PDB file of N, CA and C in Angstrom:
ATOM      1  N   MET A   1     152.215 196.073  34.221  1.00  0.00           N
ATOM      2  CA  MET A   1     151.349 195.086  34.835  1.00  0.00           C
ATOM      3  C   MET A   1     150.726 194.232  33.742  1.00  0.00           C
ATOM      4  N   SER A   2     150.693 192.940  33.980  1.00  0.00           N
ATOM      5  CA  SER A   2     150.131 192.048  32.980  1.00  0.00           C
ATOM      6  C   SER A   2     148.607 192.075  33.031  1.00  0.00           C
ATOM      7  N   LYS A   3     148.017 191.666  31.924  1.00  0.00           N
ATOM      8  CA  LYS A   3     146.558 191.623  31.852  1.00  0.00           C
ATOM      9  C   LYS A   3     146.085 190.298  32.436  1.00  0.00           C
ATOM     10  N   PHE A   4     145.053 190.384  33.249  1.00  0.00           N
ATOM     11  CA  PHE A   4     144.476 189.200  33.865  1.00  0.00           C
ATOM     12  C   PHE A   4     143.161 188.874  33.184  1.00  0.00           C
ATOM     13  N   ASN A   5     142.923 187.602  32.946  1.00  0.00           N
ATOM     14  CA  ASN A   5     141.703 187.174  32.274  1.00  0.00           C
ATOM     15  C   ASN A   5     140.594 186.771  33.241  1.00  0.00           C
ATOM     16  N   LYS A   6     140.974 186.474  34.481  1.00  0.00           N
ATOM     17  CA  LYS A   6     139.977 186.101  35.478  1.00  0.00           C
ATOM     18  C   LYS A   6     140.432 186.550  36.850  1.00  0.00           C
ATOM     19  N   PHE A   7     139.464 186.859  37.689  1.00  0.00           N
ATOM     20  CA  PHE A   7     139.796 187.395  39.011  1.00  0.00           C
ATOM     21  C   PHE A   7     140.575 186.393  39.850  1.00  0.00           C
ATOM     22  N   GLU A   8     140.393 185.112  39.578  1.00  0.00           N
ATOM     23  CA  GLU A   8     141.082 184.077  40.346  1.00  0.00           C
ATOM     24  C   GLU A   8     142.608 184.145  40.208  1.00  0.00           C
ATOM     25  N   ASP A   9     143.093 184.867  39.197  1.00  0.00           N
ATOM     26  CA  ASP A   9     144.535 185.016  38.993  1.00  0.00           C
ATOM     27  C   ASP A   9     145.133 186.186  39.782  1.00  0.00           C
ATOM     28  N   LEU A  10     144.287 187.034  40.347  1.00  0.00           N
ATOM     29  CA  LEU A  10     144.775 188.215  41.062  1.00  0.00           C
ATOM     30  C   LEU A  10     145.311 187.838  42.442  1.00  0.00           C
ATOM     31  N   ASP A  11     146.500 188.317  42.766  1.00  0.00           N
ATOM     32  CA  ASP A  11     147.092 188.060  44.082  1.00  0.00           C
ATOM     33  C   ASP A  11     146.206 188.574  45.210  1.00  0.00           C
ATOM     34  N   ILE A  12     145.594 189.739  45.016  1.00  0.00           N
ATOM     35  CA  ILE A  12     144.766 190.285  46.088  1.00  0.00           C
ATOM     36  C   ILE A  12     143.550 189.403  46.357  1.00  0.00           C
ATOM     37  N   TRP A  13     142.999 188.815  45.312  1.00  0.00           N
ATOM     38  CA  TRP A  13     141.867 187.907  45.502  1.00  0.00           C
ATOM     39  C   TRP A  13     142.321 186.668  46.272  1.00  0.00           C
ATOM     40  N   LYS A  14     143.488 186.150  45.927  1.00  0.00           N
ATOM     41  CA  LYS A  14     144.013 184.960  46.612  1.00  0.00           C
ATOM     42  C   LYS A  14     144.248 185.235  48.105  1.00  0.00           C
ATOM     43  N   ILE A  15     144.785 186.404  48.418  1.00  0.00           N
ATOM     44  CA  ILE A  15     145.005 186.778  49.816  1.00  0.00           C
ATOM     45  C   ILE A  15     143.663 186.888  50.539  1.00  0.00           C
ATOM     46  N   ALA A  16     142.703 187.541  49.908  1.00  0.00           N
ATOM     47  CA  ALA A  16     141.389 187.744  50.519  1.00  0.00           C
ATOM     48  C   ALA A  16     140.683 186.409  50.773  1.00  0.00           C
ATOM     49  N   VAL A  17     140.773 185.499  49.841  1.00  0.00           N
ATOM     50  CA  VAL A  17     140.149 184.181  50.021  1.00  0.00           C
ATOM     51  C   VAL A  17     140.840 183.424  51.153  1.00  0.00           C
ATOM     52  N   ALA A  18     142.156 183.505  51.214  1.00  0.00           N
ATOM     53  CA  ALA A  18     142.890 182.830  52.294  1.00  0.00           C
ATOM     54  C   ALA A  18     142.444 183.357  53.663  1.00  0.00           C
ATOM     55  N   ILE A  19     142.247 184.663  53.757  1.00  0.00           N
ATOM     56  CA  ILE A  19     141.761 185.252  55.009  1.00  0.00           C
ATOM     57  C   ILE A  19     140.367 184.713  55.333  1.00  0.00           C
ATOM     58  N   ALA A  20     139.476 184.711  54.355  1.00  0.00           N
ATOM     59  CA  ALA A  20     138.100 184.258  54.580  1.00  0.00           C
ATOM     60  C   ALA A  20     138.056 182.795  55.013  1.00  0.00           C
ATOM     61  N   VAL A  21     138.862 181.961  54.390  1.00  0.00           N
ATOM     62  CA  VAL A  21     138.898 180.541  54.762  1.00  0.00           C
ATOM     63  C   VAL A  21     139.397 180.393  56.198  1.00  0.00           C
ATOM     64  N   GLU A  22     140.440 181.120  56.544  1.00  0.00           N
ATOM     65  CA  GLU A  22     140.976 181.060  57.901  1.00  0.00           C
ATOM     66  C   GLU A  22     139.929 181.503  58.927  1.00  0.00           C
ATOM     67  N   VAL A  23     139.191 182.552  58.593  1.00  0.00           N
ATOM     68  CA  VAL A  23     138.152 183.046  59.495  1.00  0.00           C
ATOM     69  C   VAL A  23     137.036 182.014  59.635  1.00  0.00           C
ATOM     70  N   TYR A  24     136.628 181.412  58.537  1.00  0.00           N
ATOM     71  CA  TYR A  24     135.588 180.386  58.621  1.00  0.00           C
ATOM     72  C   TYR A  24     136.013 179.249  59.543  1.00  0.00           C
ATOM     73  N   LEU A  25     137.235 178.796  59.409  1.00  0.00           N
ATOM     74  CA  LEU A  25     137.730 177.717  60.265  1.00  0.00           C
ATOM     75  C   LEU A  25     137.826 178.175  61.715  1.00  0.00           C
ATOM     76  N   LEU A  26     138.269 179.403  61.923  1.00  0.00           N
ATOM     77  CA  LEU A  26     138.376 179.965  63.263  1.00  0.00           C
ATOM     78  C   LEU A  26     137.005 180.026  63.947  1.00  0.00           C
ATOM     79  N   CYS A  27     135.986 180.329  63.169  1.00  0.00           N
ATOM     80  CA  CYS A  27     134.637 180.464  63.716  1.00  0.00           C
ATOM     81  C   CYS A  27     133.989 179.117  64.041  1.00  0.00           C
ATOM     82  N   ASP A  28     134.625 178.027  63.650  1.00  0.00           N
ATOM     83  CA  ASP A  28     134.104 176.707  63.972  1.00  0.00           C
ATOM     84  C   ASP A  28     134.508 176.241  65.365  1.00  0.00           C
ATOM     85  N   SER A  29     135.314 177.047  66.073  1.00  0.00           N
ATOM     86  CA  SER A  29     135.719 176.674  67.427  1.00  0.00           C
ATOM     87  C   SER A  29     135.417 177.824  68.386  1.00  0.00           C
ATOM     88  N   GLU A  30     135.396 177.491  69.646  1.00  0.00           N
ATOM     89  CA  GLU A  30     135.114 178.486  70.684  1.00  0.00           C
ATOM     90  C   GLU A  30     136.287 179.444  70.822  1.00  0.00           C
ATOM     91  N   PRO A  31     136.075 180.671  71.211  1.00  0.00           N
ATOM     92  CA  PRO A  31     134.816 181.228  71.701  1.00  0.00           C
ATOM     93  C   PRO A  31     133.918 181.803  70.600  1.00  0.00           C
ATOM     94  N   LEU A  32     134.394 181.887  69.366  1.00  0.00           N
ATOM     95  CA  LEU A  32     133.566 182.488  68.314  1.00  0.00           C
ATOM     96  C   LEU A  32     132.391 181.610  67.909  1.00  0.00           C
ATOM     97  N   LYS A  33     132.537 180.319  68.059  1.00  0.00           N
ATOM     98  CA  LYS A  33     131.482 179.389  67.638  1.00  0.00           C
ATOM     99  C   LYS A  33     130.131 179.739  68.249  1.00  0.00           C
ATOM    100  N   SER A  34     130.128 180.142  69.509  1.00  0.00           N
ATOM    101  CA  SER A  34     128.857 180.433  70.182  1.00  0.00           C
ATOM    102  C   SER A  34     128.520 181.929  70.216  1.00  0.00           C
ATOM    103  N   ASP A  35     129.377 182.763  69.654  1.00  0.00           N
ATOM    104  CA  ASP A  35     129.097 184.202  69.581  1.00  0.00           C
ATOM    105  C   ASP A  35     128.496 184.492  68.201  1.00  0.00           C
ATOM    106  N   TRP A  36     127.207 184.215  68.087  1.00  0.00           N
ATOM    107  CA  TRP A  36     126.543 184.250  66.778  1.00  0.00           C
ATOM    108  C   TRP A  36     126.669 185.594  66.075  1.00  0.00           C
ATOM    109  N   GLY A  37     126.497 186.678  66.799  1.00  0.00           N
ATOM    110  CA  GLY A  37     126.546 188.005  66.184  1.00  0.00           C
ATOM    111  C   GLY A  37     127.915 188.329  65.620  1.00  0.00           C
ATOM    112  N   MET A  38     128.949 188.219  66.451  1.00  0.00           N
ATOM    113  CA  MET A  38     130.296 188.557  65.981  1.00  0.00           C
ATOM    114  C   MET A  38     130.777 187.565  64.941  1.00  0.00           C
ATOM    115  N   LYS A  39     130.427 186.284  65.122  1.00  0.00           N
ATOM    116  CA  LYS A  39     130.830 185.265  64.145  1.00  0.00           C
ATOM    117  C   LYS A  39     130.286 185.630  62.764  1.00  0.00           C
ATOM    118  N   ASP A  40     129.021 186.005  62.713  1.00  0.00           N
ATOM    119  CA  ASP A  40     128.401 186.378  61.444  1.00  0.00           C
ATOM    120  C   ASP A  40     129.055 187.638  60.871  1.00  0.00           C
ATOM    121  N   GLN A  41     129.302 188.625  61.726  1.00  0.00           N
ATOM    122  CA  GLN A  41     129.870 189.889  61.259  1.00  0.00           C
ATOM    123  C   GLN A  41     131.293 189.720  60.724  1.00  0.00           C
ATOM    124  N   ILE A  42     132.125 188.971  61.435  1.00  0.00           N
ATOM    125  CA  ILE A  42     133.510 188.845  60.984  1.00  0.00           C
ATOM    126  C   ILE A  42     133.593 187.969  59.733  1.00  0.00           C
ATOM    127  N   ARG A  43     132.716 186.974  59.644  1.00  0.00           N
ATOM    128  CA  ARG A  43     132.671 186.169  58.412  1.00  0.00           C
ATOM    129  C   ARG A  43     132.237 187.025  57.227  1.00  0.00           C
ATOM    130  N   CYS A  44     131.226 187.837  57.429  1.00  0.00           N
ATOM    131  CA  CYS A  44     130.745 188.709  56.343  1.00  0.00           C
ATOM    132  C   CYS A  44     131.830 189.686  55.896  1.00  0.00           C
ATOM    133  N   ALA A  45     132.517 190.290  56.858  1.00  0.00           N
ATOM    134  CA  ALA A  45     133.581 191.235  56.510  1.00  0.00           C
ATOM    135  C   ALA A  45     134.708 190.524  55.767  1.00  0.00           C
ATOM    136  N   ALA A  46     135.060 189.330  56.234  1.00  0.00           N
ATOM    137  CA  ALA A  46     136.141 188.579  55.590  1.00  0.00           C
ATOM    138  C   ALA A  46     135.757 188.180  54.168  1.00  0.00           C
ATOM    139  N   CYS A  47     134.541 187.710  53.979  1.00  0.00           N
ATOM    140  CA  CYS A  47     134.099 187.302  52.638  1.00  0.00           C
ATOM    141  C   CYS A  47     133.891 188.492  51.715  1.00  0.00           C
ATOM    142  N   SER A  48     133.506 189.611  52.268  1.00  0.00           N
ATOM    143  CA  SER A  48     133.251 190.801  51.470  1.00  0.00           C
ATOM    144  C   SER A  48     134.499 191.269  50.722  1.00  0.00           C
ATOM    145  N   MET A  49     135.659 191.043  51.313  1.00  0.00           N
ATOM    146  CA  MET A  49     136.896 191.484  50.655  1.00  0.00           C
ATOM    147  C   MET A  49     137.070 190.785  49.310  1.00  0.00           C
ATOM    148  N   SER A  50     136.988 189.461  49.291  1.00  0.00           N
ATOM    149  CA  SER A  50     137.153 188.739  48.026  1.00  0.00           C
ATOM    150  C   SER A  50     135.927 188.887  47.131  1.00  0.00           C
ATOM    151  N   ASP A  51     134.729 188.964  47.733  1.00  0.00           N
ATOM    152  CA  ASP A  51     133.508 189.144  46.931  1.00  0.00           C
ATOM    153  C   ASP A  51     133.583 190.406  46.080  1.00  0.00           C
ATOM    154  N   ASN A  52     134.015 191.500  46.687  1.00  0.00           N
ATOM    155  CA  ASN A  52     134.066 192.769  45.954  1.00  0.00           C
ATOM    156  C   ASN A  52     135.131 192.767  44.871  1.00  0.00           C
ATOM    157  N   ILE A  53     136.256 192.111  45.125  1.00  0.00           N
ATOM    158  CA  ILE A  53     137.280 191.994  44.088  1.00  0.00           C
ATOM    159  C   ILE A  53     136.711 191.222  42.895  1.00  0.00           C
ATOM    160  N   ALA A  54     136.063 190.101  43.173  1.00  0.00           N
ATOM    161  CA  ALA A  54     135.500 189.271  42.106  1.00  0.00           C
ATOM    162  C   ALA A  54     134.394 190.005  41.349  1.00  0.00           C
ATOM    163  N   GLU A  55     133.481 190.616  42.089  1.00  0.00           N
ATOM    164  CA  GLU A  55     132.369 191.303  41.431  1.00  0.00           C
ATOM    165  C   GLU A  55     132.862 192.467  40.575  1.00  0.00           C
ATOM    166  N   GLY A  56     133.737 193.284  41.122  1.00  0.00           N
ATOM    167  CA  GLY A  56     134.247 194.421  40.365  1.00  0.00           C
ATOM    168  C   GLY A  56     134.990 194.006  39.107  1.00  0.00           C
ATOM    169  N   PHE A  57     135.767 192.956  39.202  1.00  0.00           N
ATOM    170  CA  PHE A  57     136.515 192.453  38.044  1.00  0.00           C
ATOM    171  C   PHE A  57     135.570 192.042  36.924  1.00  0.00           C
ATOM    172  N   GLU A  58     134.476 191.406  37.306  1.00  0.00           N
ATOM    173  CA  GLU A  58     133.551 190.861  36.310  1.00  0.00           C
ATOM    174  C   GLU A  58     132.778 191.930  35.550  1.00  0.00           C
ATOM    175  N   TYR A  59     132.771 193.169  36.029  1.00  0.00           N
ATOM    176  CA  TYR A  59     132.138 194.240  35.258  1.00  0.00           C
ATOM    177  C   TYR A  59     132.947 194.588  34.018  1.00  0.00           C
ATOM    178  N   ASN A  60     134.198 194.167  34.003  1.00  0.00           N
ATOM    179  CA  ASN A  60     135.047 194.283  32.822  1.00  0.00           C
ATOM    180  C   ASN A  60     135.307 195.721  32.370  1.00  0.00           C
ATOM    181  N   ASN A  61     135.382 196.625  33.343  1.00  0.00           N
ATOM    182  CA  ASN A  61     135.820 197.986  33.030  1.00  0.00           C
ATOM    183  C   ASN A  61     136.491 198.558  34.273  1.00  0.00           C
ATOM    184  N   ASN A  62     137.497 199.362  34.044  1.00  0.00           N
ATOM    185  CA  ASN A  62     138.308 199.861  35.161  1.00  0.00           C
ATOM    186  C   ASN A  62     137.557 200.747  36.144  1.00  0.00           C
ATOM    187  N   PRO A  63     136.708 201.679  35.689  1.00  0.00           N
ATOM    188  CA  PRO A  63     136.014 202.516  36.685  1.00  0.00           C
ATOM    189  C   PRO A  63     135.185 201.693  37.686  1.00  0.00           C
ATOM    190  N   ASP A  64     134.451 200.700  37.204  1.00  0.00           N
ATOM    191  CA  ASP A  64     133.685 199.855  38.126  1.00  0.00           C
ATOM    192  C   ASP A  64     134.613 199.015  38.999  1.00  0.00           C
ATOM    193  N   PHE A  65     135.661 198.477  38.404  1.00  0.00           N
ATOM    194  CA  PHE A  65     136.601 197.668  39.158  1.00  0.00           C
ATOM    195  C   PHE A  65     137.238 198.490  40.278  1.00  0.00           C
ATOM    196  N   ILE A  66     137.615 199.718  39.980  1.00  0.00           N
ATOM    197  CA  ILE A  66     138.197 200.607  41.000  1.00  0.00           C
ATOM    198  C   ILE A  66     137.205 200.827  42.142  1.00  0.00           C
ATOM    199  N   ARG A  67     135.949 201.059  41.800  1.00  0.00           N
ATOM    200  CA  ARG A  67     134.923 201.282  42.822  1.00  0.00           C
ATOM    201  C   ARG A  67     134.823 200.064  43.749  1.00  0.00           C
ATOM    202  N   TYR A  68     134.791 198.882  43.162  1.00  0.00           N
ATOM    203  CA  TYR A  68     134.677 197.668  43.976  1.00  0.00           C
ATOM    204  C   TYR A  68     135.966 197.349  44.733  1.00  0.00           C
ATOM    205  N   LEU A  69     137.088 197.726  44.184  1.00  0.00           N
ATOM    206  CA  LEU A  69     138.345 197.576  44.929  1.00  0.00           C
ATOM    207  C   LEU A  69     138.320 198.466  46.171  1.00  0.00           C
ATOM    208  N   ASN A  70     137.752 199.649  46.037  1.00  0.00           N
ATOM    209  CA  ASN A  70     137.594 200.527  47.200  1.00  0.00           C
ATOM    210  C   ASN A  70     136.676 199.897  48.248  1.00  0.00           C
ATOM    211  N   TYR A  71     135.606 199.244  47.810  1.00  0.00           N
ATOM    212  CA  TYR A  71     134.733 198.544  48.751  1.00  0.00           C
ATOM    213  C   TYR A  71     135.505 197.433  49.467  1.00  0.00           C
ATOM    214  N   SER A  72     136.312 196.708  48.716  1.00  0.00           N
ATOM    215  CA  SER A  72     137.120 195.634  49.302  1.00  0.00           C
ATOM    216  C   SER A  72     138.082 196.187  50.338  1.00  0.00           C
ATOM    217  N   LYS A  73     138.701 197.295  50.005  1.00  0.00           N
ATOM    218  CA  LYS A  73     139.636 197.943  50.931  1.00  0.00           C
ATOM    219  C   LYS A  73     138.890 198.395  52.194  1.00  0.00           C
ATOM    220  N   GLY A  74     137.695 198.908  52.024  1.00  0.00           N
ATOM    221  CA  GLY A  74     136.877 199.294  53.175  1.00  0.00           C
ATOM    222  C   GLY A  74     136.524 198.092  54.041  1.00  0.00           C
ATOM    223  N   SER A  75     136.206 196.984  53.412  1.00  0.00           N
ATOM    224  CA  SER A  75     135.902 195.762  54.159  1.00  0.00           C
ATOM    225  C   SER A  75     137.123 195.271  54.925  1.00  0.00           C
ATOM    226  N   SER A  76     138.291 195.507  54.378  1.00  0.00           N
ATOM    227  CA  SER A  76     139.529 195.141  55.073  1.00  0.00           C
ATOM    228  C   SER A  76     139.665 195.946  56.366  1.00  0.00           C
ATOM    229  N   GLY A  77     139.311 197.217  56.310  1.00  0.00           N
ATOM    230  CA  GLY A  77     139.330 198.041  57.515  1.00  0.00           C
ATOM    231  C   GLY A  77     138.302 197.572  58.532  1.00  0.00           C
ATOM    232  N   GLU A  78     137.107 197.254  58.065  1.00  0.00           N
ATOM    233  CA  GLU A  78     136.069 196.729  58.961  1.00  0.00           C
ATOM    234  C   GLU A  78     136.541 195.426  59.610  1.00  0.00           C
ATOM    235  N   PHE A  79     137.157 194.571  58.817  1.00  0.00           N
ATOM    236  CA  PHE A  79     137.660 193.293  59.322  1.00  0.00           C
ATOM    237  C   PHE A  79     138.720 193.503  60.406  1.00  0.00           C
ATOM    238  N   ARG A  80     139.676 194.405  60.145  1.00  0.00           N
ATOM    239  CA  ARG A  80     140.723 194.665  61.138  1.00  0.00           C
ATOM    240  C   ARG A  80     140.129 195.236  62.426  1.00  0.00           C
ATOM    241  N   ASN A  81     139.118 196.076  62.293  1.00  0.00           N
ATOM    242  CA  ASN A  81     138.457 196.632  63.470  1.00  0.00           C
ATOM    243  C   ASN A  81     137.851 195.515  64.329  1.00  0.00           C
ATOM    244  N   LYS A  82     137.205 194.555  63.685  1.00  0.00           N
ATOM    245  CA  LYS A  82     136.614 193.438  64.419  1.00  0.00           C
ATOM    246  C   LYS A  82     137.702 192.583  65.066  1.00  0.00           C
ATOM    247  N   LEU A  83     138.822 192.402  64.383  1.00  0.00           N
ATOM    248  CA  LEU A  83     139.940 191.663  64.977  1.00  0.00           C
ATOM    249  C   LEU A  83     140.421 192.343  66.252  1.00  0.00           C
ATOM    250  N   ILE A  84     140.552 193.652  66.186  1.00  0.00           N
ATOM    251  CA  ILE A  84     141.014 194.421  67.357  1.00  0.00           C
ATOM    252  C   ILE A  84     140.045 194.237  68.528  1.00  0.00           C
ATOM    253  N   ILE A  85     138.762 194.348  68.249  1.00  0.00           N
ATOM    254  CA  ILE A  85     137.755 194.187  69.292  1.00  0.00           C
ATOM    255  C   ILE A  85     137.848 192.797  69.912  1.00  0.00           C
ATOM    256  N   LEU A  86     137.908 191.775  69.062  1.00  0.00           N
ATOM    257  CA  LEU A  86     137.977 190.404  69.566  1.00  0.00           C
ATOM    258  C   LEU A  86     139.238 190.154  70.382  1.00  0.00           C
ATOM    259  N   CYS A  87     140.346 190.687  69.935  1.00  0.00           N
ATOM    260  CA  CYS A  87     141.602 190.498  70.649  1.00  0.00           C
ATOM    261  C   CYS A  87     141.562 191.199  72.007  1.00  0.00           C
ATOM    262  N   ARG A  88     141.115 192.429  72.020  1.00  0.00           N
ATOM    263  CA  ARG A  88     141.063 193.183  73.279  1.00  0.00           C
ATOM    264  C   ARG A  88     140.054 192.594  74.270  1.00  0.00           C
ATOM    265  N   ALA A  89     139.033 191.933  73.731  1.00  0.00           N
ATOM    266  CA  ALA A  89     138.037 191.291  74.590  1.00  0.00           C
ATOM    267  C   ALA A  89     138.493 189.906  75.049  1.00  0.00           C
ATOM    268  N   GLY A  90     139.673 189.495  74.603  1.00  0.00           N
ATOM    269  CA  GLY A  90     140.188 188.189  74.999  1.00  0.00           C
ATOM    270  C   GLY A  90     139.529 187.030  74.280  1.00  0.00           C
ATOM    271  N   LYS A  91     138.901 187.297  73.145  1.00  0.00           N
ATOM    272  CA  LYS A  91     138.192 186.261  72.388  1.00  0.00           C
ATOM    273  C   LYS A  91     139.004 185.731  71.214  1.00  0.00           C
ATOM    274  N   LEU A  92     140.202 186.268  71.025  1.00  0.00           N
ATOM    275  CA  LEU A  92     141.037 185.866  69.900  1.00  0.00           C
ATOM    276  C   LEU A  92     142.479 185.765  70.370  1.00  0.00           C
ATOM    277  N   ASP A  93     143.098 184.642  70.065  1.00  0.00           N
ATOM    278  CA  ASP A  93     144.494 184.419  70.408  1.00  0.00           C
ATOM    279  C   ASP A  93     145.373 185.494  69.767  1.00  0.00           C
ATOM    280  N   GLU A  94     146.339 185.990  70.519  1.00  0.00           N
ATOM    281  CA  GLU A  94     147.216 187.072  70.043  1.00  0.00           C
ATOM    282  C   GLU A  94     147.957 186.698  68.758  1.00  0.00           C
ATOM    283  N   VAL A  95     148.438 185.469  68.661  1.00  0.00           N
ATOM    284  CA  VAL A  95     149.174 185.028  67.460  1.00  0.00           C
ATOM    285  C   VAL A  95     148.250 185.013  66.246  1.00  0.00           C
ATOM    286  N   VAL A  96     147.061 184.484  66.423  1.00  0.00           N
ATOM    287  CA  VAL A  96     146.071 184.458  65.332  1.00  0.00           C
ATOM    288  C   VAL A  96     145.712 185.880  64.937  1.00  0.00           C
ATOM    289  N   TYR A  97     145.499 186.727  65.926  1.00  0.00           N
ATOM    290  CA  TYR A  97     145.200 188.137  65.670  1.00  0.00           C
ATOM    291  C   TYR A  97     146.297 188.779  64.812  1.00  0.00           C
ATOM    292  N   GLU A  98     147.532 188.613  65.229  1.00  0.00           N
ATOM    293  CA  GLU A  98     148.648 189.246  64.510  1.00  0.00           C
ATOM    294  C   GLU A  98     148.768 188.727  63.082  1.00  0.00           C
ATOM    295  N   GLN A  99     148.561 187.435  62.876  1.00  0.00           N
ATOM    296  CA  GLN A  99     148.647 186.866  61.522  1.00  0.00           C
ATOM    297  C   GLN A  99     147.533 187.404  60.627  1.00  0.00           C
ATOM    298  N   LEU A 100     146.307 187.390  61.119  1.00  0.00           N
ATOM    299  CA  LEU A 100     145.192 187.876  60.317  1.00  0.00           C
ATOM    300  C   LEU A 100     145.286 189.385  60.081  1.00  0.00           C
ATOM    301  N   TYR A 101     145.711 190.118  61.103  1.00  0.00           N
ATOM    302  CA  TYR A 101     145.873 191.564  60.963  1.00  0.00           C
ATOM    303  C   TYR A 101     146.914 191.878  59.892  1.00  0.00           C
ATOM    304  N   ALA A 102     148.041 191.178  59.919  1.00  0.00           N
ATOM    305  CA  ALA A 102     149.107 191.401  58.933  1.00  0.00           C
ATOM    306  C   ALA A 102     148.629 191.060  57.518  1.00  0.00           C
ATOM    307  N   LYS A 103     147.897 189.961  57.371  1.00  0.00           N
ATOM    308  CA  LYS A 103     147.379 189.587  56.048  1.00  0.00           C
ATOM    309  C   LYS A 103     146.397 190.641  55.535  1.00  0.00           C
ATOM    310  N   SER A 104     145.573 191.150  56.430  1.00  0.00           N
ATOM    311  CA  SER A 104     144.608 192.168  56.038  1.00  0.00           C
ATOM    312  C   SER A 104     145.302 193.470  55.640  1.00  0.00           C
ATOM    313  N   LEU A 105     146.340 193.838  56.375  1.00  0.00           N
ATOM    314  CA  LEU A 105     147.120 195.030  55.994  1.00  0.00           C
ATOM    315  C   LEU A 105     147.786 194.850  54.637  1.00  0.00           C
ATOM    316  N   GLU A 106     148.322 193.651  54.404  1.00  0.00           N
ATOM    317  CA  GLU A 106     148.941 193.357  53.104  1.00  0.00           C
ATOM    318  C   GLU A 106     147.905 193.480  51.990  1.00  0.00           C
ATOM    319  N   LEU A 107     146.733 192.922  52.222  1.00  0.00           N
ATOM    320  CA  LEU A 107     145.657 193.016  51.237  1.00  0.00           C
ATOM    321  C   LEU A 107     145.297 194.469  50.971  1.00  0.00           C
ATOM    322  N   SER A 108     145.135 195.244  52.020  1.00  0.00           N
ATOM    323  CA  SER A 108     144.776 196.652  51.876  1.00  0.00           C
ATOM    324  C   SER A 108     145.831 197.426  51.090  1.00  0.00           C
ATOM    325  N   SER A 109     147.095 197.180  51.398  1.00  0.00           N
ATOM    326  CA  SER A 109     148.193 197.862  50.716  1.00  0.00           C
ATOM    327  C   SER A 109     148.252 197.492  49.233  1.00  0.00           C
ATOM    328  N   LYS A 110     148.141 196.209  48.945  1.00  0.00           N
ATOM    329  CA  LYS A 110     148.194 195.762  47.542  1.00  0.00           C
ATOM    330  C   LYS A 110     146.967 196.226  46.767  1.00  0.00           C
ATOM    331  N   THR A 111     145.836 196.272  47.435  1.00  0.00           N
ATOM    332  CA  THR A 111     144.619 196.769  46.782  1.00  0.00           C
ATOM    333  C   THR A 111     144.775 198.250  46.460  1.00  0.00           C
ATOM    334  N   LYS A 112     145.314 199.003  47.395  1.00  0.00           N
ATOM    335  CA  LYS A 112     145.563 200.448  47.158  1.00  0.00           C
ATOM    336  C   LYS A 112     146.514 200.642  45.983  1.00  0.00           C
ATOM    337  N   SER A 113     147.556 199.825  45.900  1.00  0.00           N
ATOM    338  CA  SER A 113     148.497 199.926  44.776  1.00  0.00           C
ATOM    339  C   SER A 113     147.805 199.653  43.450  1.00  0.00           C
ATOM    340  N   LEU A 114     146.918 198.658  43.424  1.00  0.00           N
ATOM    341  CA  LEU A 114     146.192 198.361  42.190  1.00  0.00           C
ATOM    342  C   LEU A 114     145.227 199.494  41.844  1.00  0.00           C
ATOM    343  N   ILE A 115     144.564 200.050  42.827  1.00  0.00           N
ATOM    344  CA  ILE A 115     143.677 201.188  42.591  1.00  0.00           C
ATOM    345  C   ILE A 115     144.467 202.353  41.993  1.00  0.00           C
ATOM    346  N   ASP A 116     145.608 202.668  42.583  1.00  0.00           N
ATOM    347  CA  ASP A 116     146.443 203.766  42.084  1.00  0.00           C
ATOM    348  C   ASP A 116     146.887 203.508  40.647  1.00  0.00           C
ATOM    349  N   TYR A 117     147.292 202.278  40.364  1.00  0.00           N
ATOM    350  CA  TYR A 117     147.720 201.908  39.007  1.00  0.00           C
ATOM    351  C   TYR A 117     146.567 202.091  38.016  1.00  0.00           C
ATOM    352  N   LEU A 118     145.401 201.586  38.362  1.00  0.00           N
ATOM    353  CA  LEU A 118     144.257 201.673  37.446  1.00  0.00           C
ATOM    354  C   LEU A 118     143.802 203.113  37.245  1.00  0.00           C
ATOM    355  N   ARG A 119     143.843 203.905  38.301  1.00  0.00           N
ATOM    356  CA  ARG A 119     143.485 205.326  38.167  1.00  0.00           C
ATOM    357  C   ARG A 119     144.454 206.045  37.236  1.00  0.00           C
ATOM    358  N   LYS A 120     145.724 205.771  37.392  1.00  0.00           N
ATOM    359  CA  LYS A 120     146.736 206.384  36.514  1.00  0.00           C
ATOM    360  C   LYS A 120     146.517 205.927  35.080  1.00  0.00           C
ATOM    361  N   PHE A 121     146.271 204.656  34.889  1.00  0.00           N
ATOM    362  CA  PHE A 121     146.011 204.111  33.557  1.00  0.00           C
ATOM    363  C   PHE A 121     144.822 204.818  32.912  1.00  0.00           C
ATOM    364  N   GLU A 122     143.752 204.994  33.674  1.00  0.00           N
ATOM    365  CA  GLU A 122     142.554 205.669  33.149  1.00  0.00           C
ATOM    366  C   GLU A 122     142.847 207.146  32.841  1.00  0.00           C
ATOM    367  N   ALA A 123     143.603 207.808  33.709  1.00  0.00           N
ATOM    368  CA  ALA A 123     143.943 209.222  33.482  1.00  0.00           C
ATOM    369  C   ALA A 123     144.818 209.360  32.233  1.00  0.00           C
ATOM    370  N   ASP A 124     145.769 208.443  32.070  1.00  0.00           N
ATOM    371  CA  ASP A 124     146.631 208.488  30.881  1.00  0.00           C
ATOM    372  C   ASP A 124     145.849 208.237  29.598  1.00  0.00           C
ATOM    373  N   LYS A 125     144.840 207.378  29.664  1.00  0.00           N
ATOM    374  CA  LYS A 125     143.993 207.116  28.507  1.00  0.00           C
ATOM    375  C   LYS A 125     143.264 208.369  28.063  1.00  0.00           C
ATOM    376  N   LYS A 126     142.819 209.171  29.024  1.00  0.00           N
ATOM    377  CA  LYS A 126     142.068 210.393  28.732  1.00  0.00           C
ATOM    378  C   LYS A 126     142.956 211.458  28.121  1.00  0.00           C
ATOM    379  N   LYS A 127     144.252 211.429  28.417  1.00  0.00           N
ATOM    380  CA  LYS A 127     145.198 212.410  27.881  1.00  0.00           C
ATOM    381  C   LYS A 127     145.466 212.179  26.396  1.00  0.00           C
ATOM    382  N   LYS A 128     145.247 210.987  25.936  1.00  0.00           N
ATOM    383  CA  LYS A 128     145.574 210.651  24.536  1.00  0.00           C
ATOM    384  C   LYS A 128     144.503 211.069  23.586  1.00  0.00           C
TER     385      LYS A 128
END
């Protein structure tokens, strides 16, 4: 894996930001526009994914970065849960639901892979 100098270069951050932007735009139209509580919650969950990636990266050490990647992964689960609720309540178009759900799963999977890589890297460092 190559070394990254800024969080903006990470694929997982790019995916997370794309999700957050899509959610923000989605919340500008009905029925989410007038559902203040859910609109706020789903926006927060969507933004939390990229926020945690960025914050963890900026600590400039793997143990902290891993911790924040776990928070991001958790936010991805919270986000998918809200998508499911909105879809089942008829407040979210099925196509939009499926696209956002798939992007969130991709983010979660890639984040898990990075966590596993960093944990192995840290464990190997301790063996030396």
